[in-house]
Amino acid sequence: MDVKPSLGQTIIVMIYVKGQSLKERIALGPMKLEEALDISTQVGEGLSMTFSSFRAARR
């Protein structure tokens, strides 16, 4: 992921990762604790990277 200023706007550039969406996974029903923790960790890391990138781009 990269955050770049472009024509007075900030844009987010991300790679496409083929696979199941979180919405699709949740629709399958309950998941084991290990899987839920793994997904939660990935979401948290992604949000942290996004927040850090926005802060850096706004400076």
PDB file of N, CA and C in Angstrom:
ATOM      1  N   MET A   1       0.835  -1.164   0.000  1.00  0.00           N
ATOM      2  CA  MET A   1       0.000   0.000   0.000  1.00  0.00           C
ATOM      3  C   MET A   1       0.888   1.238   0.000  1.00  0.00           C
ATOM      4  N   ASP A   2       0.429   2.230  -0.700  1.00  0.00           N
ATOM      5  CA  ASP A   2       1.158   3.480  -0.758  1.00  0.00           C
ATOM      6  C   ASP A   2       0.141   4.615  -0.781  1.00  0.00           C
ATOM      7  N   VAL A   3       0.471   5.701  -0.140  1.00  0.00           N
ATOM      8  CA  VAL A   3      -0.383   6.881  -0.132  1.00  0.00           C
ATOM      9  C   VAL A   3       0.382   7.990  -0.823  1.00  0.00           C
ATOM     10  N   LYS A   4      -0.251   8.594  -1.836  1.00  0.00           N
ATOM     11  CA  LYS A   4       0.440   9.612  -2.629  1.00  0.00           C
ATOM     12  C   LYS A   4      -0.466  10.815  -2.860  1.00  0.00           C
ATOM     13  N   PRO A   5       0.114  11.999  -2.794  1.00  0.00           N
ATOM     14  CA  PRO A   5      -0.668  13.171  -3.193  1.00  0.00           C
ATOM     15  C   PRO A   5      -0.745  13.221  -4.717  1.00  0.00           C
ATOM     16  N   SER A   6      -1.912  13.591  -5.237  1.00  0.00           N
ATOM     17  CA  SER A   6      -2.090  13.679  -6.681  1.00  0.00           C
ATOM     18  C   SER A   6      -3.115  14.751  -6.996  1.00  0.00           C
ATOM     19  N   LEU A   7      -2.681  15.789  -7.673  1.00  0.00           N
ATOM     20  CA  LEU A   7      -3.573  16.873  -8.085  1.00  0.00           C
ATOM     21  C   LEU A   7      -4.383  17.431  -6.917  1.00  0.00           C
ATOM     22  N   GLY A   8      -3.720  17.634  -5.797  1.00  0.00           N
ATOM     23  CA  GLY A   8      -4.367  18.223  -4.636  1.00  0.00           C
ATOM     24  C   GLY A   8      -5.198  17.251  -3.810  1.00  0.00           C
ATOM     25  N   GLN A   9      -5.192  15.976  -4.167  1.00  0.00           N
ATOM     26  CA  GLN A   9      -5.923  14.962  -3.410  1.00  0.00           C
ATOM     27  C   GLN A   9      -4.947  13.885  -2.970  1.00  0.00           C
ATOM     28  N   THR A  10      -5.294  13.182  -1.909  1.00  0.00           N
ATOM     29  CA  THR A  10      -4.484  12.055  -1.459  1.00  0.00           C
ATOM     30  C   THR A  10      -5.136  10.778  -1.966  1.00  0.00           C
ATOM     31  N   ILE A  11      -4.344   9.931  -2.625  1.00  0.00           N
ATOM     32  CA  ILE A  11      -4.867   8.671  -3.140  1.00  0.00           C
ATOM     33  C   ILE A  11      -4.166   7.504  -2.457  1.00  0.00           C
ATOM     34  N   ILE A  12      -4.881   6.405  -2.339  1.00  0.00           N
ATOM     35  CA  ILE A  12      -4.323   5.186  -1.763  1.00  0.00           C
ATOM     36  C   ILE A  12      -4.132   4.192  -2.905  1.00  0.00           C
ATOM     37  N   VAL A  13      -2.927   3.650  -3.021  1.00  0.00           N
ATOM     38  CA  VAL A  13      -2.612   2.657  -4.040  1.00  0.00           C
ATOM     39  C   VAL A  13      -2.371   1.340  -3.321  1.00  0.00           C
ATOM     40  N   MET A  14      -3.164   0.321  -3.672  1.00  0.00           N
ATOM     41  CA  MET A  14      -3.036  -0.980  -3.021  1.00  0.00           C
ATOM     42  C   MET A  14      -2.978  -2.077  -4.076  1.00  0.00           C
ATOM     43  N   ILE A  15      -2.372  -3.196  -3.708  1.00  0.00           N
ATOM     44  CA  ILE A  15      -2.346  -4.340  -4.609  1.00  0.00           C
ATOM     45  C   ILE A  15      -3.664  -5.109  -4.459  1.00  0.00           C
ATOM     46  N   TYR A  16      -4.050  -5.813  -5.506  1.00  0.00           N
ATOM     47  CA  TYR A  16      -5.230  -6.665  -5.463  1.00  0.00           C
ATOM     48  C   TYR A  16      -4.797  -8.043  -4.992  1.00  0.00           C
ATOM     49  N   VAL A  17      -5.456  -8.556  -3.976  1.00  0.00           N
ATOM     50  CA  VAL A  17      -5.156  -9.884  -3.462  1.00  0.00           C
ATOM     51  C   VAL A  17      -6.368 -10.766  -3.738  1.00  0.00           C
ATOM     52  N   LYS A  18      -6.180 -11.765  -4.578  1.00  0.00           N
ATOM     53  CA  LYS A  18      -7.268 -12.661  -4.946  1.00  0.00           C
ATOM     54  C   LYS A  18      -7.610 -13.552  -3.757  1.00  0.00           C
ATOM     55  N   GLY A  19      -8.873 -13.733  -3.520  1.00  0.00           N
ATOM     56  CA  GLY A  19      -9.286 -14.619  -2.442  1.00  0.00           C
ATOM     57  C   GLY A  19     -10.656 -14.238  -1.914  1.00  0.00           C
ATOM     58  N   GLN A  20     -10.994 -14.841  -0.826  1.00  0.00           N
ATOM     59  CA  GLN A  20     -12.293 -14.666  -0.193  1.00  0.00           C
ATOM     60  C   GLN A  20     -12.347 -13.356   0.588  1.00  0.00           C
ATOM     61  N   SER A  21     -13.461 -12.634   0.469  1.00  0.00           N
ATOM     62  CA  SER A  21     -13.618 -11.402   1.244  1.00  0.00           C
ATOM     63  C   SER A  21     -14.039 -11.748   2.674  1.00  0.00           C
ATOM     64  N   LEU A  22     -13.875 -10.794   3.563  1.00  0.00           N
ATOM     65  CA  LEU A  22     -14.297 -11.002   4.945  1.00  0.00           C
ATOM     66  C   LEU A  22     -15.800 -11.235   4.997  1.00  0.00           C
ATOM     67  N   LYS A  23     -16.558 -10.510   4.199  1.00  0.00           N
ATOM     68  CA  LYS A  23     -18.014 -10.684   4.156  1.00  0.00           C
ATOM     69  C   LYS A  23     -18.375 -12.118   3.755  1.00  0.00           C
ATOM     70  N   GLU A  24     -17.672 -12.636   2.752  1.00  0.00           N
ATOM     71  CA  GLU A  24     -17.925 -14.015   2.312  1.00  0.00           C
ATOM     72  C   GLU A  24     -17.566 -15.017   3.402  1.00  0.00           C
ATOM     73  N   ARG A  25     -16.456 -14.778   4.105  1.00  0.00           N
ATOM     74  CA  ARG A  25     -16.042 -15.703   5.164  1.00  0.00           C
ATOM     75  C   ARG A  25     -17.040 -15.706   6.316  1.00  0.00           C
ATOM     76  N   ILE A  26     -17.506 -14.533   6.707  1.00  0.00           N
ATOM     77  CA  ILE A  26     -18.469 -14.433   7.808  1.00  0.00           C
ATOM     78  C   ILE A  26     -19.770 -15.152   7.447  1.00  0.00           C
ATOM     79  N   ALA A  27     -20.164 -15.075   6.172  1.00  0.00           N
ATOM     80  CA  ALA A  27     -21.399 -15.723   5.724  1.00  0.00           C
ATOM     81  C   ALA A  27     -21.333 -17.246   5.849  1.00  0.00           C
ATOM     82  N   LEU A  28     -20.135 -17.802   5.892  1.00  0.00           N
ATOM     83  CA  LEU A  28     -19.984 -19.252   6.021  1.00  0.00           C
ATOM     84  C   LEU A  28     -20.319 -19.758   7.422  1.00  0.00           C
ATOM     85  N   GLY A  29     -20.385 -18.865   8.385  1.00  0.00           N
ATOM     86  CA  GLY A  29     -20.725 -19.264   9.747  1.00  0.00           C
ATOM     87  C   GLY A  29     -19.562 -19.110  10.710  1.00  0.00           C
ATOM     88  N   PRO A  30     -19.741 -19.647  11.906  1.00  0.00           N
ATOM     89  CA  PRO A  30     -18.728 -19.483  12.954  1.00  0.00           C
ATOM     90  C   PRO A  30     -17.351 -19.981  12.515  1.00  0.00           C
ATOM     91  N   MET A  31     -16.314 -19.317  13.049  1.00  0.00           N
ATOM     92  CA  MET A  31     -14.945 -19.732  12.759  1.00  0.00           C
ATOM     93  C   MET A  31     -14.223 -20.059  14.065  1.00  0.00           C
ATOM     94  N   LYS A  32     -13.171 -20.805  13.934  1.00  0.00           N
ATOM     95  CA  LYS A  32     -12.375 -21.147  15.113  1.00  0.00           C
ATOM     96  C   LYS A  32     -11.679 -19.898  15.631  1.00  0.00           C
ATOM     97  N   LEU A  33     -11.362 -19.914  16.916  1.00  0.00           N
ATOM     98  CA  LEU A  33     -10.720 -18.773  17.560  1.00  0.00           C
ATOM     99  C   LEU A  33      -9.435 -18.371  16.841  1.00  0.00           C
ATOM    100  N   GLU A  34      -8.625 -19.341  16.451  1.00  0.00           N
ATOM    101  CA  GLU A  34      -7.357 -19.043  15.786  1.00  0.00           C
ATOM    102  C   GLU A  34      -7.575 -18.277  14.482  1.00  0.00           C
ATOM    103  N   GLU A  35      -8.595 -18.672  13.720  1.00  0.00           N
ATOM    104  CA  GLU A  35      -8.882 -17.991  12.462  1.00  0.00           C
ATOM    105  C   GLU A  35      -9.386 -16.575  12.726  1.00  0.00           C
ATOM    106  N   ALA A  36     -10.265 -16.421  13.714  1.00  0.00           N
ATOM    107  CA  ALA A  36     -10.788 -15.094  14.056  1.00  0.00           C
ATOM    108  C   ALA A  36      -9.664 -14.170  14.522  1.00  0.00           C
ATOM    109  N   LEU A  37      -8.739 -14.696  15.314  1.00  0.00           N
ATOM    110  CA  LEU A  37      -7.611 -13.888  15.785  1.00  0.00           C
ATOM    111  C   LEU A  37      -6.691 -13.503  14.629  1.00  0.00           C
ATOM    112  N   ASP A  38      -6.473 -14.418  13.698  1.00  0.00           N
ATOM    113  CA  ASP A  38      -5.628 -14.126  12.532  1.00  0.00           C
ATOM    114  C   ASP A  38      -6.251 -13.019  11.688  1.00  0.00           C
ATOM    115  N   ILE A  39      -7.541 -13.126  11.431  1.00  0.00           N
ATOM    116  CA  ILE A  39      -8.228 -12.100  10.638  1.00  0.00           C
ATOM    117  C   ILE A  39      -8.204 -10.761  11.365  1.00  0.00           C
ATOM    118  N   SER A  40      -8.469 -10.779  12.667  1.00  0.00           N
ATOM    119  CA  SER A  40      -8.457  -9.541  13.452  1.00  0.00           C
ATOM    120  C   SER A  40      -7.088  -8.872  13.427  1.00  0.00           C
ATOM    121  N   THR A  41      -6.037  -9.677  13.506  1.00  0.00           N
ATOM    122  CA  THR A  41      -4.673  -9.148  13.459  1.00  0.00           C
ATOM    123  C   THR A  41      -4.397  -8.504  12.102  1.00  0.00           C
ATOM    124  N   GLN A  42      -4.810  -9.161  11.025  1.00  0.00           N
ATOM    125  CA  GLN A  42      -4.598  -8.611   9.684  1.00  0.00           C
ATOM    126  C   GLN A  42      -5.350  -7.291   9.501  1.00  0.00           C
ATOM    127  N   VAL A  43      -6.580  -7.229   9.980  1.00  0.00           N
ATOM    128  CA  VAL A  43      -7.365  -5.996   9.869  1.00  0.00           C
ATOM    129  C   VAL A  43      -6.694  -4.879  10.665  1.00  0.00           C
ATOM    130  N   GLY A  44      -6.268  -5.180  11.884  1.00  0.00           N
ATOM    131  CA  GLY A  44      -5.598  -4.180  12.722  1.00  0.00           C
ATOM    132  C   GLY A  44      -4.319  -3.668  12.092  1.00  0.00           C
ATOM    133  N   GLU A  45      -3.519  -4.569  11.532  1.00  0.00           N
ATOM    134  CA  GLU A  45      -2.269  -4.154  10.883  1.00  0.00           C
ATOM    135  C   GLU A  45      -2.553  -3.282   9.662  1.00  0.00           C
ATOM    136  N   GLY A  46      -3.578  -3.637   8.904  1.00  0.00           N
ATOM    137  CA  GLY A  46      -3.943  -2.840   7.733  1.00  0.00           C
ATOM    138  C   GLY A  46      -4.403  -1.451   8.116  1.00  0.00           C
ATOM    139  N   LEU A  47      -5.225  -1.356   9.155  1.00  0.00           N
ATOM    140  CA  LEU A  47      -5.686  -0.048   9.620  1.00  0.00           C
ATOM    141  C   LEU A  47      -4.525   0.787  10.148  1.00  0.00           C
ATOM    142  N   SER A  48      -3.613   0.150  10.854  1.00  0.00           N
ATOM    143  CA  SER A  48      -2.452   0.851  11.388  1.00  0.00           C
ATOM    144  C   SER A  48      -1.584   1.404  10.261  1.00  0.00           C
ATOM    145  N   MET A  49      -1.356   0.603   9.227  1.00  0.00           N
ATOM    146  CA  MET A  49      -0.555   1.053   8.084  1.00  0.00           C
ATOM    147  C   MET A  49      -1.242   2.215   7.372  1.00  0.00           C
ATOM    148  N   THR A  50      -2.553   2.111   7.207  1.00  0.00           N
ATOM    149  CA  THR A  50      -3.303   3.173   6.542  1.00  0.00           C
ATOM    150  C   THR A  50      -3.217   4.471   7.324  1.00  0.00           C
ATOM    151  N   PHE A  51      -3.431   4.392   8.625  1.00  0.00           N
ATOM    152  CA  PHE A  51      -3.377   5.579   9.476  1.00  0.00           C
ATOM    153  C   PHE A  51      -1.989   6.209   9.433  1.00  0.00           C
ATOM    154  N   SER A  52      -0.952   5.380   9.537  1.00  0.00           N
ATOM    155  CA  SER A  52       0.426   5.886   9.501  1.00  0.00           C
ATOM    156  C   SER A  52       0.733   6.551   8.168  1.00  0.00           C
ATOM    157  N   SER A  53       0.267   5.947   7.069  1.00  0.00           N
ATOM    158  CA  SER A  53       0.519   6.501   5.754  1.00  0.00           C
ATOM    159  C   SER A  53      -0.183   7.830   5.563  1.00  0.00           C
ATOM    160  N   PHE A  54      -1.418   7.945   6.036  1.00  0.00           N
ATOM    161  CA  PHE A  54      -2.143   9.209   5.930  1.00  0.00           C
ATOM    162  C   PHE A  54      -1.469  10.300   6.734  1.00  0.00           C
ATOM    163  N   ARG A  55      -1.005   9.960   7.927  1.00  0.00           N
ATOM    164  CA  ARG A  55      -0.316  10.959   8.766  1.00  0.00           C
ATOM    165  C   ARG A  55       0.939  11.444   8.071  1.00  0.00           C
ATOM    166  N   ALA A  56       1.689  10.519   7.473  1.00  0.00           N
ATOM    167  CA  ALA A  56       2.933  10.886   6.791  1.00  0.00           C
ATOM    168  C   ALA A  56       2.636  11.745   5.562  1.00  0.00           C
ATOM    169  N   ALA A  57       1.563  11.420   4.843  1.00  0.00           N
ATOM    170  CA  ALA A  57       1.232  12.168   3.622  1.00  0.00           C
ATOM    171  C   ALA A  57       0.720  13.565   3.939  1.00  0.00           C
ATOM    172  N   ARG A  58       0.158  13.766   5.093  1.00  0.00           N
ATOM    173  CA  ARG A  58      -0.409  15.074   5.451  1.00  0.00           C
ATOM    174  C   ARG A  58       0.629  16.033   6.042  1.00  0.00           C
ATOM    175  N   ARG A  59       1.814  15.538   6.345  1.00  0.00           N
ATOM    176  CA  ARG A  59       2.844  16.404   6.939  1.00  0.00           C
ATOM    177  C   ARG A  59       3.493  17.279   5.932  1.00  0.00           C
TER     178      ARG A  59
END
